[in-house]
C-alpha atoms as a PDB file:
ATOM      1  CA  UNK A   1     109.023 -43.667  28.409  1.00  0.00           C
ATOM      2  CA  UNK A   2     111.571 -46.036  29.952  1.00  0.00           C
ATOM      3  CA  UNK A   3     115.189 -45.023  30.481  1.00  0.00           C
ATOM      4  CA  UNK A   4     116.198 -47.309  27.611  1.00  0.00           C
ATOM      5  CA  UNK A   5     113.615 -45.734  25.307  1.00  0.00           C
ATOM      6  CA  UNK A   6     114.769 -42.250  26.322  1.00  0.00           C
ATOM      7  CA  UNK A   7     118.361 -43.214  25.516  1.00  0.00           C
ATOM      8  CA  UNK A   8     117.384 -44.570  22.112  1.00  0.00           C
ATOM      9  CA  UNK A   9     115.339 -41.435  21.385  1.00  0.00           C
ATOM     10  CA  UNK A  10     118.286 -39.226  22.403  1.00  0.00           C
ATOM     11  CA  UNK A  11     120.660 -41.171  20.171  1.00  0.00           C
ATOM     12  CA  UNK A  12     118.206 -40.914  17.267  1.00  0.00           C
ATOM     13  CA  UNK A  13     117.964 -37.132  17.768  1.00  0.00           C
ATOM     14  CA  UNK A  14     121.759 -36.898  17.905  1.00  0.00           C
ATOM     15  CA  UNK A  15     122.130 -38.989  14.746  1.00  0.00           C
ATOM     16  CA  UNK A  16     119.654 -36.780  12.885  1.00  0.00           C
ATOM     17  CA  UNK A  17     121.552 -33.698  14.051  1.00  0.00           C
ATOM     18  CA  UNK A  18     124.890 -35.102  12.887  1.00  0.00           C
ATOM     19  CA  UNK A  19     123.429 -36.126   9.522  1.00  0.00           C
ATOM     20  CA  UNK A  20     122.073 -32.590   9.075  1.00  0.00           C
ATOM     21  CA  UNK A  21     125.616 -31.324   9.674  1.00  0.00           C
ATOM     22  CA  UNK A  22     126.870 -33.558   6.853  1.00  0.00           C
ATOM     23  CA  UNK A  23     128.309 -36.417   8.917  1.00  0.00           C
ATOM     24  CA  UNK A  24     128.224 -39.995   7.678  1.00  0.00           C
ATOM     25  CA  UNK A  25     127.181 -42.410  10.431  1.00  0.00           C
ATOM     26  CA  UNK A  26     129.349 -45.535  10.557  1.00  0.00           C
ATOM     27  CA  UNK A  27     128.031 -47.245  13.688  1.00  0.00           C
ATOM     28  CA  UNK A  28     125.709 -46.791  16.635  1.00  0.00           C
ATOM     29  CA  UNK A  29     126.246 -48.377  20.020  1.00  0.00           C
ATOM     30  CA  UNK A  30     129.648 -49.831  19.164  1.00  0.00           C
ATOM     31  CA  UNK A  31     130.633 -52.190  21.965  1.00  0.00           C
ATOM     32  CA  UNK A  32     134.055 -53.227  23.139  1.00  0.00           C
ATOM     33  CA  UNK A  33     133.698 -55.564  26.072  1.00  0.00           C
ATOM     34  CA  UNK A  34     131.050 -54.112  28.383  1.00  0.00           C
ATOM     35  CA  UNK A  35     131.568 -50.507  27.298  1.00  0.00           C
ATOM     36  CA  UNK A  36     130.212 -48.652  24.293  1.00  0.00           C
ATOM     37  CA  UNK A  37     130.395 -45.519  22.202  1.00  0.00           C
ATOM     38  CA  UNK A  38     127.027 -44.099  21.198  1.00  0.00           C
ATOM     39  CA  UNK A  39     127.849 -42.962  17.652  1.00  0.00           C
ATOM     40  CA  UNK A  40     130.876 -43.358  15.382  1.00  0.00           C
ATOM     41  CA  UNK A  41     130.812 -41.157  12.298  1.00  0.00           C
ATOM     42  CA  UNK A  42     132.877 -39.438   9.648  1.00  0.00           C
ATOM     43  CA  UNK A  43     133.051 -35.680   9.382  1.00  0.00           C
ATOM     44  CA  UNK A  44     134.881 -35.303   6.089  1.00  0.00           C
ATOM     45  CA  UNK A  45     138.141 -37.196   6.591  1.00  0.00           C
ATOM     46  CA  UNK A  46     137.909 -37.142  10.395  1.00  0.00           C
ATOM     47  CA  UNK A  47     136.736 -40.149  12.395  1.00  0.00           C
ATOM     48  CA  UNK A  48     134.412 -38.922  15.157  1.00  0.00           C
ATOM     49  CA  UNK A  49     133.539 -40.756  18.349  1.00  0.00           C
ATOM     50  CA  UNK A  50     130.394 -39.154  19.736  1.00  0.00           C
ATOM     51  CA  UNK A  51     128.842 -39.465  23.176  1.00  0.00           C
ATOM     52  CA  UNK A  52     125.183 -38.547  23.636  1.00  0.00           C
ATOM     53  CA  UNK A  53     123.944 -37.164  26.954  1.00  0.00           C
ATOM     54  CA  UNK A  54     120.306 -36.306  27.551  1.00  0.00           C
ATOM     55  CA  UNK A  55     118.508 -34.853  30.557  1.00  0.00           C
ATOM     56  CA  UNK A  56     115.003 -33.669  31.297  1.00  0.00           C
ATOM     57  CA  UNK A  57     116.141 -31.162  33.926  1.00  0.00           C
ATOM     58  CA  UNK A  58     119.289 -29.567  35.288  1.00  0.00           C
ATOM     59  CA  UNK A  59     118.945 -30.923  38.841  1.00  0.00           C
ATOM     60  CA  UNK A  60     122.326 -32.599  38.424  1.00  0.00           C
ATOM     61  CA  UNK A  61     123.808 -30.025  36.039  1.00  0.00           C
ATOM     62  CA  UNK A  62     123.834 -29.744  32.278  1.00  0.00           C
ATOM     63  CA  UNK A  63     123.920 -33.060  30.376  1.00  0.00           C
ATOM     64  CA  UNK A  64     127.462 -32.507  29.107  1.00  0.00           C
ATOM     65  CA  UNK A  65     128.732 -32.381  32.698  1.00  0.00           C
ATOM     66  CA  UNK A  66     127.846 -36.060  33.062  1.00  0.00           C
ATOM     67  CA  UNK A  67     130.868 -36.803  30.876  1.00  0.00           C
ATOM     68  CA  UNK A  68     133.298 -37.308  33.741  1.00  0.00           C
ATOM     69  CA  UNK A  69     137.053 -37.814  33.310  1.00  0.00           C
ATOM     70  CA  UNK A  70     136.498 -41.520  33.996  1.00  0.00           C
ATOM     71  CA  UNK A  71     133.835 -41.736  31.255  1.00  0.00           C
ATOM     72  CA  UNK A  72     136.166 -39.872  28.872  1.00  0.00           C
ATOM     73  CA  UNK A  73     138.888 -42.424  29.605  1.00  0.00           C
ATOM     74  CA  UNK A  74     136.443 -45.269  28.901  1.00  0.00           C
ATOM     75  CA  UNK A  75     135.412 -43.706  25.585  1.00  0.00           C
ATOM     76  CA  UNK A  76     139.058 -43.321  24.566  1.00  0.00           C
ATOM     77  CA  UNK A  77     139.674 -46.986  25.389  1.00  0.00           C
ATOM     78  CA  UNK A  78     136.665 -48.153  23.344  1.00  0.00           C
ATOM     79  CA  UNK A  79     137.734 -45.862  20.474  1.00  0.00           C
ATOM     80  CA  UNK A  80     141.169 -47.516  20.541  1.00  0.00           C
ATOM     81  CA  UNK A  81     139.430 -50.886  20.290  1.00  0.00           C
ATOM     82  CA  UNK A  82     137.462 -49.684  17.258  1.00  0.00           C
ATOM     83  CA  UNK A  83     140.583 -48.359  15.538  1.00  0.00           C
ATOM     84  CA  UNK A  84     142.429 -51.619  16.251  1.00  0.00           C
ATOM     85  CA  UNK A  85     139.527 -53.849  15.156  1.00  0.00           C
ATOM     86  CA  UNK A  86     139.104 -51.960  11.885  1.00  0.00           C
ATOM     87  CA  UNK A  87     142.878 -51.744  11.273  1.00  0.00           C
ATOM     88  CA  UNK A  88     142.712 -47.970  10.956  1.00  0.00           C
ATOM     89  CA  UNK A  89     146.081 -46.259  10.685  1.00  0.00           C
ATOM     90  CA  UNK A  90     147.148 -42.619  10.412  1.00  0.00           C
ATOM     91  CA  UNK A  91     143.624 -41.339  10.963  1.00  0.00           C
ATOM     92  CA  UNK A  92     142.629 -38.005  12.437  1.00  0.00           C
ATOM     93  CA  UNK A  93     140.104 -38.640  15.208  1.00  0.00           C
ATOM     94  CA  UNK A  94     138.160 -36.507  17.637  1.00  0.00           C
ATOM     95  CA  UNK A  95     135.686 -36.848  20.453  1.00  0.00           C
ATOM     96  CA  UNK A  96     132.410 -34.912  20.287  1.00  0.00           C
ATOM     97  CA  UNK A  97     129.383 -34.664  22.560  1.00  0.00           C
ATOM     98  CA  UNK A  98     125.742 -34.138  21.719  1.00  0.00           C
ATOM     99  CA  UNK A  99     124.061 -32.781  24.856  1.00  0.00           C
ATOM    100  CA  UNK A 100     120.275 -32.762  24.781  1.00  0.00           C
ATOM    101  CA  UNK A 101     118.006 -30.990  27.251  1.00  0.00           C
ATOM    102  CA  UNK A 102     114.333 -31.871  26.991  1.00  0.00           C
ATOM    103  CA  UNK A 103     112.137 -29.020  28.215  1.00  0.00           C
ATOM    104  CA  UNK A 104     108.367 -29.641  28.208  1.00  0.00           C
ATOM    105  CA  UNK A 105     108.910 -32.493  25.769  1.00  0.00           C
ATOM    106  CA  UNK A 106     110.909 -30.351  23.342  1.00  0.00           C
ATOM    107  CA  UNK A 107     114.568 -31.297  22.781  1.00  0.00           C
ATOM    108  CA  UNK A 108     117.252 -28.595  22.742  1.00  0.00           C
ATOM    109  CA  UNK A 109     120.484 -29.900  21.187  1.00  0.00           C
ATOM    110  CA  UNK A 110     123.892 -28.529  22.126  1.00  0.00           C
ATOM    111  CA  UNK A 111     126.658 -29.976  19.930  1.00  0.00           C
ATOM    112  CA  UNK A 112     130.207 -29.813  21.274  1.00  0.00           C
ATOM    113  CA  UNK A 113     132.973 -30.483  18.749  1.00  0.00           C
ATOM    114  CA  UNK A 114     136.329 -31.613  20.196  1.00  0.00           C
ATOM    115  CA  UNK A 115     134.761 -31.951  23.625  1.00  0.00           C
ATOM    116  CA  UNK A 116     137.812 -33.668  25.125  1.00  0.00           C
END
């Protein structure tokens, strides 16, 4: 499986997980310039910007640790672009992470609400 295919598979797993939690998916792979947010969803009245991180091993740490302060800043900037583009005002928002470890081909999903 190519890196792109792995990313798409991870995002599909994350979307299924969020749907099972009762989220409503608004967009996937929302782009603002050259940057993107993996999933934008609604959890009740809250607008959720969700980053998906997937790894097949922990050689470089758990997947959620790949969400560096710089990446968090980029996600916030893209989220601001989404809010501006959709003329959203007075909206509660949060940033979540779906971290996926794949062990022997089996995904283990760790969902982090209000990750940053």
